[in-house]
Amino acid sequence: MTARLRIAFAGTPEFSVPALEALYLAGHDLAGAWTQPDRPAGRGRALAASAVKRRALELGLRVEQPVTFKSAEVVARLGSCAPDLLVVVAYGLILPQTVLDLPRLGCLNIHASLLPRWRGAAPVQRAILAGDTRTGVTIMKMDAGLDTGPMLLSRETDIFPDETAGELHDRLARLGAAAVVEAIEGWSTGRLRPTPQPADGVTYAPKIRKEEGVIAWARSATEIARQVRAFNPWPVAETRWNGQQLRVLEAAPLAAAVEAVPGQVVEGNGDRLVVATGTGGLLLKRVQLAGRRPVSAAEFLNAHPVVGVRLG
């Protein structure tokens, strides 16, 4: 039976919520949830609470939203809770050493990769872009580096051939939530010991930039299909058609050789919308014009004859 610990939680986006819920359901004494300040969102740019704040309030937890942890007063407020442990999941703020040293059992982090592969901000998208077939989550004891802390526990999973970043994100959030509860039990009882990350195999996952979504048709169909999956739901792979933005939400590479200029639509009948690439053809399955709803290839072709048109 896991001892009941006093745990402070720091997280912000939807990825963090399953872990918060898992700690609550495991019966730990949650000292509160630390999350980023409300931000403008939507077309009206009204202030919106983070996913963690919304769920924490539903659970009746104390919520703190400091702009930074550089303030001694902010650190003191965390210390006043006397947490045994701080669990950090996609919080988005840098924690100074004073915070890392504050809890009796230190700070544990859920990272959405098998460290040391894909340290950094966008491990889910970068893994899909690179063509990885396996990924997972790592529970690590935090240090001052960028995802460099020693590891307590990792759990692996396949990346499915047609899986989008959004779908993989949700699976890893659930996997990480279960793993952190297990790691806390092992860490607090001494059954688990931190293991330094291997020196070999380190890769970095920089933050995704919106312009990375623009499709370069000279690349191979396999690479573009990964781009489509990795950037769904954001920023979404896109090209230009008839002077308009055309977003590609779902696509698959075709093995057969295609003799055409990259970007040219070589097939557009029924539900077959095929575009030539640098190597092979790309079958577009679901697309979206700017300001319109997403549609299947068949729906798009019913309204727009595109054979011979060059995209991009």
C-alpha atoms as a PDB file:
ATOM      1  CA  MET A   1       0.000   0.000   0.000  1.00  0.00           C
ATOM      2  CA  THR A   2       1.428   3.368  -1.026  1.00  0.00           C
ATOM      3  CA  ALA A   3       1.983   5.779   1.864  1.00  0.00           C
ATOM      4  CA  ARG A   4      -0.126   8.921   1.623  1.00  0.00           C
ATOM      5  CA  LEU A   5       2.175  11.775   0.604  1.00  0.00           C
ATOM      6  CA  ARG A   6       1.630  15.498   0.543  1.00  0.00           C
ATOM      7  CA  ILE A   7       2.128  16.376  -3.128  1.00  0.00           C
ATOM      8  CA  ALA A   8       2.228  19.698  -4.918  1.00  0.00           C
ATOM      9  CA  PHE A   9       1.383  19.510  -8.623  1.00  0.00           C
ATOM     10  CA  ALA A  10       2.662  21.761 -11.423  1.00  0.00           C
ATOM     11  CA  GLY A  11       1.206  21.495 -14.915  1.00  0.00           C
ATOM     12  CA  THR A  12      -0.694  23.489 -17.501  1.00  0.00           C
ATOM     13  CA  PRO A  13      -2.115  21.824 -20.674  1.00  0.00           C
ATOM     14  CA  GLU A  14      -4.456  18.891 -21.266  1.00  0.00           C
ATOM     15  CA  PHE A  15      -1.477  16.504 -21.209  1.00  0.00           C
ATOM     16  CA  SER A  16      -1.075  17.235 -17.481  1.00  0.00           C
ATOM     17  CA  VAL A  17      -4.664  16.549 -16.444  1.00  0.00           C
ATOM     18  CA  PRO A  18      -4.639  12.705 -16.355  1.00  0.00           C
ATOM     19  CA  ALA A  19      -1.657  12.792 -13.978  1.00  0.00           C
ATOM     20  CA  LEU A  20      -3.420  15.249 -11.652  1.00  0.00           C
ATOM     21  CA  GLU A  21      -6.502  13.024 -11.641  1.00  0.00           C
ATOM     22  CA  ALA A  22      -4.424   9.876 -11.028  1.00  0.00           C
ATOM     23  CA  LEU A  23      -2.701  11.409  -7.995  1.00  0.00           C
ATOM     24  CA  TYR A  24      -6.070  12.511  -6.634  1.00  0.00           C
ATOM     25  CA  LEU A  25      -7.591   9.056  -7.127  1.00  0.00           C
ATOM     26  CA  ALA A  26      -4.537   7.394  -5.573  1.00  0.00           C
ATOM     27  CA  GLY A  27      -5.450   9.128  -2.313  1.00  0.00           C
ATOM     28  CA  HIS A  28      -2.484  11.437  -1.964  1.00  0.00           C
ATOM     29  CA  ASP A  29      -2.860  14.717  -0.092  1.00  0.00           C
ATOM     30  CA  LEU A  30      -2.699  17.279  -2.888  1.00  0.00           C
ATOM     31  CA  ALA A  31      -1.322  20.561  -1.535  1.00  0.00           C
ATOM     32  CA  GLY A  32      -2.481  22.412  -4.633  1.00  0.00           C
ATOM     33  CA  ALA A  33      -1.999  22.866  -8.356  1.00  0.00           C
ATOM     34  CA  TRP A  34       0.515  25.342  -9.771  1.00  0.00           C
ATOM     35  CA  THR A  35      -0.280  26.351 -13.344  1.00  0.00           C
ATOM     36  CA  GLN A  36       0.461  29.190 -15.747  1.00  0.00           C
ATOM     37  CA  PRO A  37      -1.572  32.407 -15.588  1.00  0.00           C
ATOM     38  CA  ASP A  38      -4.773  32.703 -17.616  1.00  0.00           C
ATOM     39  CA  ARG A  39      -4.020  33.589 -21.250  1.00  0.00           C
ATOM     40  CA  PRO A  40      -6.026  35.257 -24.041  1.00  0.00           C
ATOM     41  CA  ALA A  41      -7.606  32.636 -26.276  1.00  0.00           C
ATOM     42  CA  GLY A  42     -10.055  32.349 -29.143  1.00  0.00           C
ATOM     43  CA  ARG A  43     -11.182  34.995 -31.580  1.00  0.00           C
ATOM     44  CA  GLY A  44     -12.348  37.307 -28.810  1.00  0.00           C
ATOM     45  CA  ARG A  45      -8.990  36.937 -27.005  1.00  0.00           C
ATOM     46  CA  ALA A  46     -10.791  36.604 -23.662  1.00  0.00           C
ATOM     47  CA  LEU A  47      -8.709  35.280 -20.774  1.00  0.00           C
ATOM     48  CA  ALA A  48      -8.952  31.498 -20.500  1.00  0.00           C
ATOM     49  CA  ALA A  49      -7.905  29.214 -17.664  1.00  0.00           C
ATOM     50  CA  SER A  50      -5.512  26.353 -18.307  1.00  0.00           C
ATOM     51  CA  ALA A  51      -6.797  22.781 -18.455  1.00  0.00           C
ATOM     52  CA  VAL A  52      -5.083  22.065 -15.133  1.00  0.00           C
ATOM     53  CA  LYS A  53      -6.691  25.061 -13.424  1.00  0.00           C
ATOM     54  CA  ARG A  54     -10.153  24.037 -14.613  1.00  0.00           C
ATOM     55  CA  ARG A  55      -9.752  20.462 -13.382  1.00  0.00           C
ATOM     56  CA  ALA A  56      -8.083  21.459 -10.118  1.00  0.00           C
ATOM     57  CA  LEU A  57     -10.969  23.759  -9.252  1.00  0.00           C
ATOM     58  CA  GLU A  58     -13.433  20.960 -10.039  1.00  0.00           C
ATOM     59  CA  LEU A  59     -11.512  18.771  -7.581  1.00  0.00           C
ATOM     60  CA  GLY A  60     -11.619  21.489  -4.941  1.00  0.00           C
ATOM     61  CA  LEU A  61      -7.878  22.102  -4.949  1.00  0.00           C
ATOM     62  CA  ARG A  62      -5.948  25.246  -4.206  1.00  0.00           C
ATOM     63  CA  VAL A  63      -4.660  26.890  -7.416  1.00  0.00           C
ATOM     64  CA  GLU A  64      -1.566  29.065  -7.717  1.00  0.00           C
ATOM     65  CA  GLN A  65      -0.614  30.921 -10.929  1.00  0.00           C
ATOM     66  CA  PRO A  66       2.761  32.644 -10.521  1.00  0.00           C
ATOM     67  CA  VAL A  67       4.276  34.377 -13.524  1.00  0.00           C
ATOM     68  CA  THR A  68       7.729  33.170 -12.483  1.00  0.00           C
ATOM     69  CA  PHE A  69       9.520  31.301  -9.709  1.00  0.00           C
ATOM     70  CA  LYS A  70      12.311  33.875  -9.510  1.00  0.00           C
ATOM     71  CA  SER A  71      10.473  35.609  -6.671  1.00  0.00           C
ATOM     72  CA  ALA A  72      11.404  34.544  -3.134  1.00  0.00           C
ATOM     73  CA  GLU A  73       7.790  35.177  -2.125  1.00  0.00           C
ATOM     74  CA  VAL A  74       6.492  32.703  -4.728  1.00  0.00           C
ATOM     75  CA  VAL A  75       8.977  30.061  -3.581  1.00  0.00           C
ATOM     76  CA  ALA A  76       7.988  30.704   0.032  1.00  0.00           C
ATOM     77  CA  ARG A  77       4.297  30.156  -0.800  1.00  0.00           C
ATOM     78  CA  LEU A  78       5.151  26.758  -2.237  1.00  0.00           C
ATOM     79  CA  GLY A  79       7.314  25.969   0.782  1.00  0.00           C
ATOM     80  CA  SER A  80       4.508  26.900   3.167  1.00  0.00           C
ATOM     81  CA  CYS A  81       2.574  23.896   1.862  1.00  0.00           C
ATOM     82  CA  ALA A  82       5.359  21.621   3.173  1.00  0.00           C
ATOM     83  CA  PRO A  83       5.119  19.189   0.219  1.00  0.00           C
ATOM     84  CA  ASP A  84       6.887  15.825   0.402  1.00  0.00           C
ATOM     85  CA  LEU A  85       7.079  15.852  -3.382  1.00  0.00           C
ATOM     86  CA  LEU A  86       6.483  18.128  -6.372  1.00  0.00           C
ATOM     87  CA  VAL A  87       5.143  16.432  -9.526  1.00  0.00           C
ATOM     88  CA  VAL A  88       5.745  18.447 -12.700  1.00  0.00           C
ATOM     89  CA  VAL A  89       3.973  17.693 -15.996  1.00  0.00           C
ATOM     90  CA  ALA A  90       4.333  20.104 -18.938  1.00  0.00           C
ATOM     91  CA  TYR A  91       4.250  23.092 -16.593  1.00  0.00           C
ATOM     92  CA  GLY A  92       5.972  25.502 -18.975  1.00  0.00           C
ATOM     93  CA  LEU A  93       7.971  27.502 -16.425  1.00  0.00           C
ATOM     94  CA  ILE A  94      11.612  26.983 -15.438  1.00  0.00           C
ATOM     95  CA  LEU A  95      12.021  25.854 -11.839  1.00  0.00           C
ATOM     96  CA  PRO A  96      15.112  27.207 -10.069  1.00  0.00           C
ATOM     97  CA  GLN A  97      17.282  25.028  -7.839  1.00  0.00           C
ATOM     98  CA  THR A  98      15.609  26.512  -4.747  1.00  0.00           C
ATOM     99  CA  VAL A  99      12.342  24.913  -5.854  1.00  0.00           C
ATOM    100  CA  LEU A 100      13.944  21.608  -6.886  1.00  0.00           C
ATOM    101  CA  ASP A 101      15.533  21.346  -3.437  1.00  0.00           C
ATOM    102  CA  LEU A 102      12.410  22.293  -1.515  1.00  0.00           C
ATOM    103  CA  PRO A 103      10.357  19.036  -1.277  1.00  0.00           C
ATOM    104  CA  ARG A 104      11.701  16.249   0.931  1.00  0.00           C
ATOM    105  CA  LEU A 105      11.568  13.757  -1.963  1.00  0.00           C
ATOM    106  CA  GLY A 106      12.487  16.248  -4.663  1.00  0.00           C
ATOM    107  CA  CYS A 107      10.643  16.901  -7.929  1.00  0.00           C
ATOM    108  CA  LEU A 108       9.460  14.236 -10.368  1.00  0.00           C
ATOM    109  CA  ASN A 109       8.651  14.936 -14.012  1.00  0.00           C
ATOM    110  CA  ILE A 110       6.689  13.021 -16.639  1.00  0.00           C
ATOM    111  CA  HIS A 111       8.370  13.349 -20.029  1.00  0.00           C
ATOM    112  CA  ALA A 112       6.681  12.058 -23.198  1.00  0.00           C
ATOM    113  CA  SER A 113       9.613  10.131 -24.665  1.00  0.00           C
ATOM    114  CA  LEU A 114      12.079   7.400 -23.818  1.00  0.00           C
ATOM    115  CA  LEU A 115      14.905   9.557 -22.539  1.00  0.00           C
ATOM    116  CA  PRO A 116      17.513  10.521 -23.542  1.00  0.00           C
ATOM    117  CA  ARG A 117      15.777  10.509 -26.946  1.00  0.00           C
ATOM    118  CA  TRP A 118      13.733  13.640 -27.625  1.00  0.00           C
ATOM    119  CA  ARG A 119      14.572  15.901 -24.735  1.00  0.00           C
ATOM    120  CA  GLY A 120      12.779  19.210 -25.101  1.00  0.00           C
ATOM    121  CA  ALA A 121       9.424  20.779 -25.892  1.00  0.00           C
ATOM    122  CA  ALA A 122       7.910  18.642 -28.672  1.00  0.00           C
ATOM    123  CA  PRO A 123       8.847  14.969 -28.200  1.00  0.00           C
ATOM    124  CA  VAL A 124       5.568  13.586 -29.560  1.00  0.00           C
ATOM    125  CA  GLN A 125       5.690  15.461 -32.873  1.00  0.00           C
ATOM    126  CA  ARG A 126       9.434  14.964 -33.364  1.00  0.00           C
ATOM    127  CA  ALA A 127       9.149  11.211 -32.830  1.00  0.00           C
ATOM    128  CA  ILE A 128       6.499  10.928 -35.563  1.00  0.00           C
ATOM    129  CA  LEU A 129       8.424  13.208 -37.929  1.00  0.00           C
ATOM    130  CA  ALA A 130      11.535  11.063 -37.516  1.00  0.00           C
ATOM    131  CA  GLY A 131       9.662   7.865 -38.310  1.00  0.00           C
ATOM    132  CA  ASP A 132      10.115   6.337 -34.845  1.00  0.00           C
ATOM    133  CA  THR A 133       8.058   3.192 -34.332  1.00  0.00           C
ATOM    134  CA  ARG A 134       8.394   3.121 -30.527  1.00  0.00           C
ATOM    135  CA  THR A 135       8.113   5.788 -27.863  1.00  0.00           C
ATOM    136  CA  GLY A 136       6.896   6.041 -24.311  1.00  0.00           C
ATOM    137  CA  VAL A 137       7.111   8.033 -21.119  1.00  0.00           C
ATOM    138  CA  THR A 138       9.920   8.531 -18.636  1.00  0.00           C
ATOM    139  CA  ILE A 139       9.540   9.483 -14.992  1.00  0.00           C
ATOM    140  CA  MET A 140      12.676  11.351 -13.955  1.00  0.00           C
ATOM    141  CA  LYS A 141      13.939  13.151 -10.887  1.00  0.00           C
ATOM    142  CA  MET A 142      14.399  16.718 -12.029  1.00  0.00           C
ATOM    143  CA  ASP A 143      17.692  18.572 -12.023  1.00  0.00           C
ATOM    144  CA  ALA A 144      18.670  21.977 -13.396  1.00  0.00           C
ATOM    145  CA  GLY A 145      19.210  20.723 -16.974  1.00  0.00           C
ATOM    146  CA  LEU A 146      16.783  20.358 -19.880  1.00  0.00           C
ATOM    147  CA  ASP A 147      15.259  16.910 -19.290  1.00  0.00           C
ATOM    148  CA  THR A 148      18.633  15.612 -18.090  1.00  0.00           C
ATOM    149  CA  GLY A 149      17.657  14.255 -14.668  1.00  0.00           C
ATOM    150  CA  PRO A 150      18.133  10.634 -13.568  1.00  0.00           C
ATOM    151  CA  MET A 151      15.349   8.213 -14.455  1.00  0.00           C
ATOM    152  CA  LEU A 152      13.129   6.286 -12.067  1.00  0.00           C
ATOM    153  CA  LEU A 153      10.831   4.499 -14.484  1.00  0.00           C
ATOM    154  CA  SER A 154       9.975   4.273 -18.184  1.00  0.00           C
ATOM    155  CA  ARG A 155       7.094   2.683 -20.042  1.00  0.00           C
ATOM    156  CA  GLU A 156       7.175   1.919 -23.777  1.00  0.00           C
ATOM    157  CA  THR A 157       4.467   1.816 -26.428  1.00  0.00           C
ATOM    158  CA  ASP A 158       4.213   1.465 -30.202  1.00  0.00           C
ATOM    159  CA  ILE A 159       3.589   4.432 -32.469  1.00  0.00           C
ATOM    160  CA  PHE A 160       0.845   3.173 -34.764  1.00  0.00           C
ATOM    161  CA  PRO A 161       1.367   3.666 -38.528  1.00  0.00           C
ATOM    162  CA  ASP A 162      -1.587   6.055 -38.983  1.00  0.00           C
ATOM    163  CA  GLU A 163      -1.486   7.686 -35.540  1.00  0.00           C
ATOM    164  CA  THR A 164      -1.581  11.467 -35.314  1.00  0.00           C
ATOM    165  CA  ALA A 165       0.285  13.538 -32.753  1.00  0.00           C
ATOM    166  CA  GLY A 166      -3.020  14.292 -31.054  1.00  0.00           C
ATOM    167  CA  GLU A 167      -3.889  10.628 -30.687  1.00  0.00           C
ATOM    168  CA  LEU A 168      -0.411   9.691 -29.458  1.00  0.00           C
ATOM    169  CA  HIS A 169      -0.427  12.666 -27.070  1.00  0.00           C
ATOM    170  CA  ASP A 170      -3.609  11.387 -25.411  1.00  0.00           C
ATOM    171  CA  ARG A 171      -2.273   7.836 -25.058  1.00  0.00           C
ATOM    172  CA  LEU A 172       1.006   9.031 -23.568  1.00  0.00           C
ATOM    173  CA  ALA A 173      -0.828  11.289 -21.108  1.00  0.00           C
ATOM    174  CA  ARG A 174      -2.697   8.268 -19.754  1.00  0.00           C
ATOM    175  CA  LEU A 175       0.436   6.109 -19.773  1.00  0.00           C
ATOM    176  CA  GLY A 176       2.368   8.796 -17.904  1.00  0.00           C
ATOM    177  CA  ALA A 177      -0.376   9.201 -15.310  1.00  0.00           C
ATOM    178  CA  ALA A 178      -0.256   5.505 -14.412  1.00  0.00           C
ATOM    179  CA  ALA A 179       3.548   5.486 -14.485  1.00  0.00           C
ATOM    180  CA  VAL A 180       3.977   8.440 -12.124  1.00  0.00           C
ATOM    181  CA  VAL A 181       1.740   6.853  -9.478  1.00  0.00           C
ATOM    182  CA  GLU A 182       3.821   3.684  -9.710  1.00  0.00           C
ATOM    183  CA  ALA A 183       7.092   5.640  -9.620  1.00  0.00           C
ATOM    184  CA  ILE A 184       6.026   7.599  -6.537  1.00  0.00           C
ATOM    185  CA  GLU A 185       5.305   4.383  -4.686  1.00  0.00           C
ATOM    186  CA  GLY A 186       8.703   2.961  -5.629  1.00  0.00           C
ATOM    187  CA  TRP A 187      10.612   6.183  -4.957  1.00  0.00           C
ATOM    188  CA  SER A 188       9.009   6.882  -1.573  1.00  0.00           C
ATOM    189  CA  THR A 189       9.618   3.327  -0.306  1.00  0.00           C
ATOM    190  CA  GLY A 190      13.169   3.042  -1.653  1.00  0.00           C
ATOM    191  CA  ARG A 191      12.305   0.280  -4.125  1.00  0.00           C
ATOM    192  CA  LEU A 192      13.242   2.517  -7.076  1.00  0.00           C
ATOM    193  CA  ARG A 193      16.556   4.320  -7.361  1.00  0.00           C
ATOM    194  CA  PRO A 194      17.377   7.060  -9.869  1.00  0.00           C
ATOM    195  CA  THR A 195      19.480   5.870 -12.810  1.00  0.00           C
ATOM    196  CA  PRO A 196      21.553   8.373 -14.816  1.00  0.00           C
ATOM    197  CA  GLN A 197      20.465   8.792 -18.425  1.00  0.00           C
ATOM    198  CA  PRO A 198      22.732   7.127 -21.011  1.00  0.00           C
ATOM    199  CA  ALA A 199      25.302   9.414 -22.598  1.00  0.00           C
ATOM    200  CA  ASP A 200      24.544   7.926 -26.025  1.00  0.00           C
ATOM    201  CA  GLY A 201      21.372   8.472 -28.015  1.00  0.00           C
ATOM    202  CA  VAL A 202      20.630  12.028 -26.920  1.00  0.00           C
ATOM    203  CA  THR A 203      18.357  13.920 -29.331  1.00  0.00           C
ATOM    204  CA  TYR A 204      16.448  17.167 -28.941  1.00  0.00           C
ATOM    205  CA  ALA A 205      12.857  18.053 -29.752  1.00  0.00           C
ATOM    206  CA  PRO A 206      12.637  21.810 -30.313  1.00  0.00           C
ATOM    207  CA  LYS A 207       9.306  23.585 -30.121  1.00  0.00           C
ATOM    208  CA  ILE A 208       7.153  23.262 -33.240  1.00  0.00           C
ATOM    209  CA  ARG A 209       6.977  26.379 -35.417  1.00  0.00           C
ATOM    210  CA  LYS A 210       3.856  27.111 -37.468  1.00  0.00           C
ATOM    211  CA  GLU A 211       5.855  27.446 -40.696  1.00  0.00           C
ATOM    212  CA  GLU A 212       6.972  23.822 -40.377  1.00  0.00           C
ATOM    213  CA  GLY A 213       3.489  22.851 -41.482  1.00  0.00           C
ATOM    214  CA  VAL A 214       4.027  24.082 -45.066  1.00  0.00           C
ATOM    215  CA  ILE A 215       4.395  21.063 -47.354  1.00  0.00           C
ATOM    216  CA  ALA A 216       7.459  20.864 -49.588  1.00  0.00           C
ATOM    217  CA  TRP A 217       6.252  18.533 -52.334  1.00  0.00           C
ATOM    218  CA  ALA A 218       9.823  17.709 -53.423  1.00  0.00           C
ATOM    219  CA  ARG A 219      10.169  15.612 -50.276  1.00  0.00           C
ATOM    220  CA  SER A 220       9.175  11.947 -50.323  1.00  0.00           C
ATOM    221  CA  ALA A 221       5.575  10.850 -49.853  1.00  0.00           C
ATOM    222  CA  THR A 222       6.615   9.003 -46.677  1.00  0.00           C
ATOM    223  CA  GLU A 223       8.116  12.144 -45.154  1.00  0.00           C
ATOM    224  CA  ILE A 224       5.102  14.293 -46.038  1.00  0.00           C
ATOM    225  CA  ALA A 225       2.701  11.700 -44.610  1.00  0.00           C
ATOM    226  CA  ARG A 226       4.647  11.855 -41.331  1.00  0.00           C
ATOM    227  CA  GLN A 227       4.421  15.649 -41.447  1.00  0.00           C
ATOM    228  CA  VAL A 228       0.642  15.424 -41.819  1.00  0.00           C
ATOM    229  CA  ARG A 229       0.378  13.089 -38.819  1.00  0.00           C
ATOM    230  CA  ALA A 230       2.866  14.997 -36.650  1.00  0.00           C
ATOM    231  CA  PHE A 231       1.151  18.361 -37.174  1.00  0.00           C
ATOM    232  CA  ASN A 232      -2.386  17.171 -36.496  1.00  0.00           C
ATOM    233  CA  PRO A 233      -4.005  18.866 -34.562  1.00  0.00           C
ATOM    234  CA  TRP A 234      -1.488  21.764 -34.696  1.00  0.00           C
ATOM    235  CA  PRO A 235      -0.248  23.562 -36.758  1.00  0.00           C
ATOM    236  CA  VAL A 236      -1.703  21.249 -39.470  1.00  0.00           C
ATOM    237  CA  ALA A 237       0.168  20.516 -42.702  1.00  0.00           C
ATOM    238  CA  GLU A 238      -0.845  22.883 -45.482  1.00  0.00           C
ATOM    239  CA  THR A 239      -0.312  23.762 -49.127  1.00  0.00           C
ATOM    240  CA  ARG A 240      -1.792  26.214 -51.625  1.00  0.00           C
ATOM    241  CA  TRP A 241      -4.541  25.476 -54.142  1.00  0.00           C
ATOM    242  CA  ASN A 242      -5.995  28.092 -56.472  1.00  0.00           C
ATOM    243  CA  GLY A 243      -4.471  30.828 -54.333  1.00  0.00           C
ATOM    244  CA  GLN A 244      -6.076  29.487 -51.168  1.00  0.00           C
ATOM    245  CA  GLN A 245      -4.769  27.670 -48.129  1.00  0.00           C
ATOM    246  CA  LEU A 246      -5.510  23.951 -48.311  1.00  0.00           C
ATOM    247  CA  ARG A 247      -4.922  22.089 -45.068  1.00  0.00           C
ATOM    248  CA  VAL A 248      -4.144  18.366 -45.229  1.00  0.00           C
ATOM    249  CA  LEU A 249      -5.556  16.546 -42.207  1.00  0.00           C
ATOM    250  CA  GLU A 250      -5.063  12.949 -43.288  1.00  0.00           C
ATOM    251  CA  ALA A 251      -2.889  11.356 -45.958  1.00  0.00           C
ATOM    252  CA  ALA A 252      -1.049   8.152 -46.805  1.00  0.00           C
ATOM    253  CA  PRO A 253       2.029   7.429 -48.951  1.00  0.00           C
ATOM    254  CA  LEU A 254       1.711   5.267 -52.049  1.00  0.00           C
ATOM    255  CA  ALA A 255       4.531   2.915 -52.990  1.00  0.00           C
ATOM    256  CA  ALA A 256       4.025   3.100 -56.740  1.00  0.00           C
ATOM    257  CA  ALA A 257       6.258   5.469 -58.725  1.00  0.00           C
ATOM    258  CA  VAL A 258       4.578   8.649 -59.977  1.00  0.00           C
ATOM    259  CA  GLU A 259       5.895  10.381 -63.105  1.00  0.00           C
ATOM    260  CA  ALA A 260       4.926  14.016 -62.578  1.00  0.00           C
ATOM    261  CA  VAL A 261       6.227  17.278 -61.180  1.00  0.00           C
ATOM    262  CA  PRO A 262       6.132  17.273 -57.366  1.00  0.00           C
ATOM    263  CA  GLY A 263       2.909  18.900 -56.187  1.00  0.00           C
ATOM    264  CA  GLN A 264       0.924  18.014 -59.318  1.00  0.00           C
ATOM    265  CA  VAL A 265      -2.427  16.278 -58.806  1.00  0.00           C
ATOM    266  CA  VAL A 266      -2.170  13.077 -60.847  1.00  0.00           C
ATOM    267  CA  GLU A 267      -5.429  11.447 -59.850  1.00  0.00           C
ATOM    268  CA  GLY A 268      -8.745  12.961 -58.809  1.00  0.00           C
ATOM    269  CA  ASN A 269     -11.626  10.548 -59.263  1.00  0.00           C
ATOM    270  CA  GLY A 270     -14.092   9.189 -56.716  1.00  0.00           C
ATOM    271  CA  ASP A 271     -12.255   9.269 -53.416  1.00  0.00           C
ATOM    272  CA  ARG A 272      -8.781   9.103 -54.995  1.00  0.00           C
ATOM    273  CA  LEU A 273      -6.912  12.400 -54.647  1.00  0.00           C
ATOM    274  CA  VAL A 274      -3.244  11.644 -55.396  1.00  0.00           C
ATOM    275  CA  VAL A 275      -0.437  14.212 -55.515  1.00  0.00           C
ATOM    276  CA  ALA A 276       3.032  13.609 -56.933  1.00  0.00           C
ATOM    277  CA  THR A 277       5.943  14.049 -54.535  1.00  0.00           C
ATOM    278  CA  GLY A 278       9.706  13.829 -54.851  1.00  0.00           C
ATOM    279  CA  THR A 279       9.416  10.086 -54.338  1.00  0.00           C
ATOM    280  CA  GLY A 280       6.079   8.333 -54.836  1.00  0.00           C
ATOM    281  CA  GLY A 281       2.562   9.688 -54.577  1.00  0.00           C
ATOM    282  CA  LEU A 282       0.612  10.984 -51.596  1.00  0.00           C
ATOM    283  CA  LEU A 283      -3.035   9.980 -51.202  1.00  0.00           C
ATOM    284  CA  LEU A 284      -4.929  12.843 -49.583  1.00  0.00           C
ATOM    285  CA  LYS A 285      -7.826  11.519 -47.503  1.00  0.00           C
ATOM    286  CA  ARG A 286      -9.159  14.540 -45.640  1.00  0.00           C
ATOM    287  CA  VAL A 287      -8.599  18.226 -46.402  1.00  0.00           C
ATOM    288  CA  GLN A 288      -9.886  21.639 -45.409  1.00  0.00           C
ATOM    289  CA  LEU A 289     -10.062  24.936 -47.257  1.00  0.00           C
ATOM    290  CA  ALA A 290      -9.558  28.115 -45.215  1.00  0.00           C
ATOM    291  CA  GLY A 291     -12.766  29.041 -43.423  1.00  0.00           C
ATOM    292  CA  ARG A 292     -14.482  25.777 -44.384  1.00  0.00           C
ATOM    293  CA  ARG A 293     -15.147  22.548 -42.541  1.00  0.00           C
ATOM    294  CA  PRO A 294     -12.895  19.494 -43.016  1.00  0.00           C
ATOM    295  CA  VAL A 295     -14.092  17.223 -45.829  1.00  0.00           C
ATOM    296  CA  SER A 296     -13.182  13.858 -47.280  1.00  0.00           C
ATOM    297  CA  ALA A 297     -11.275  13.652 -50.540  1.00  0.00           C
ATOM    298  CA  ALA A 298     -14.488  12.508 -52.253  1.00  0.00           C
ATOM    299  CA  GLU A 299     -16.394  15.583 -51.036  1.00  0.00           C
ATOM    300  CA  PHE A 300     -13.591  17.890 -52.122  1.00  0.00           C
ATOM    301  CA  LEU A 301     -13.386  16.325 -55.585  1.00  0.00           C
ATOM    302  CA  ASN A 302     -17.152  16.552 -56.064  1.00  0.00           C
ATOM    303  CA  ALA A 303     -16.874  20.333 -55.840  1.00  0.00           C
ATOM    304  CA  HIS A 304     -13.410  20.963 -57.284  1.00  0.00           C
ATOM    305  CA  PRO A 305     -11.891  19.339 -60.403  1.00  0.00           C
ATOM    306  CA  VAL A 306      -8.168  19.387 -59.664  1.00  0.00           C
ATOM    307  CA  VAL A 307      -6.450  16.813 -61.940  1.00  0.00           C
ATOM    308  CA  GLY A 308      -3.347  18.358 -63.469  1.00  0.00           C
ATOM    309  CA  VAL A 309      -3.311  21.286 -61.037  1.00  0.00           C
ATOM    310  CA  ARG A 310      -0.065  21.877 -59.171  1.00  0.00           C
ATOM    311  CA  LEU A 311      -0.320  22.461 -55.446  1.00  0.00           C
ATOM    312  CA  GLY A 312       2.063  24.593 -53.453  1.00  0.00           C
END
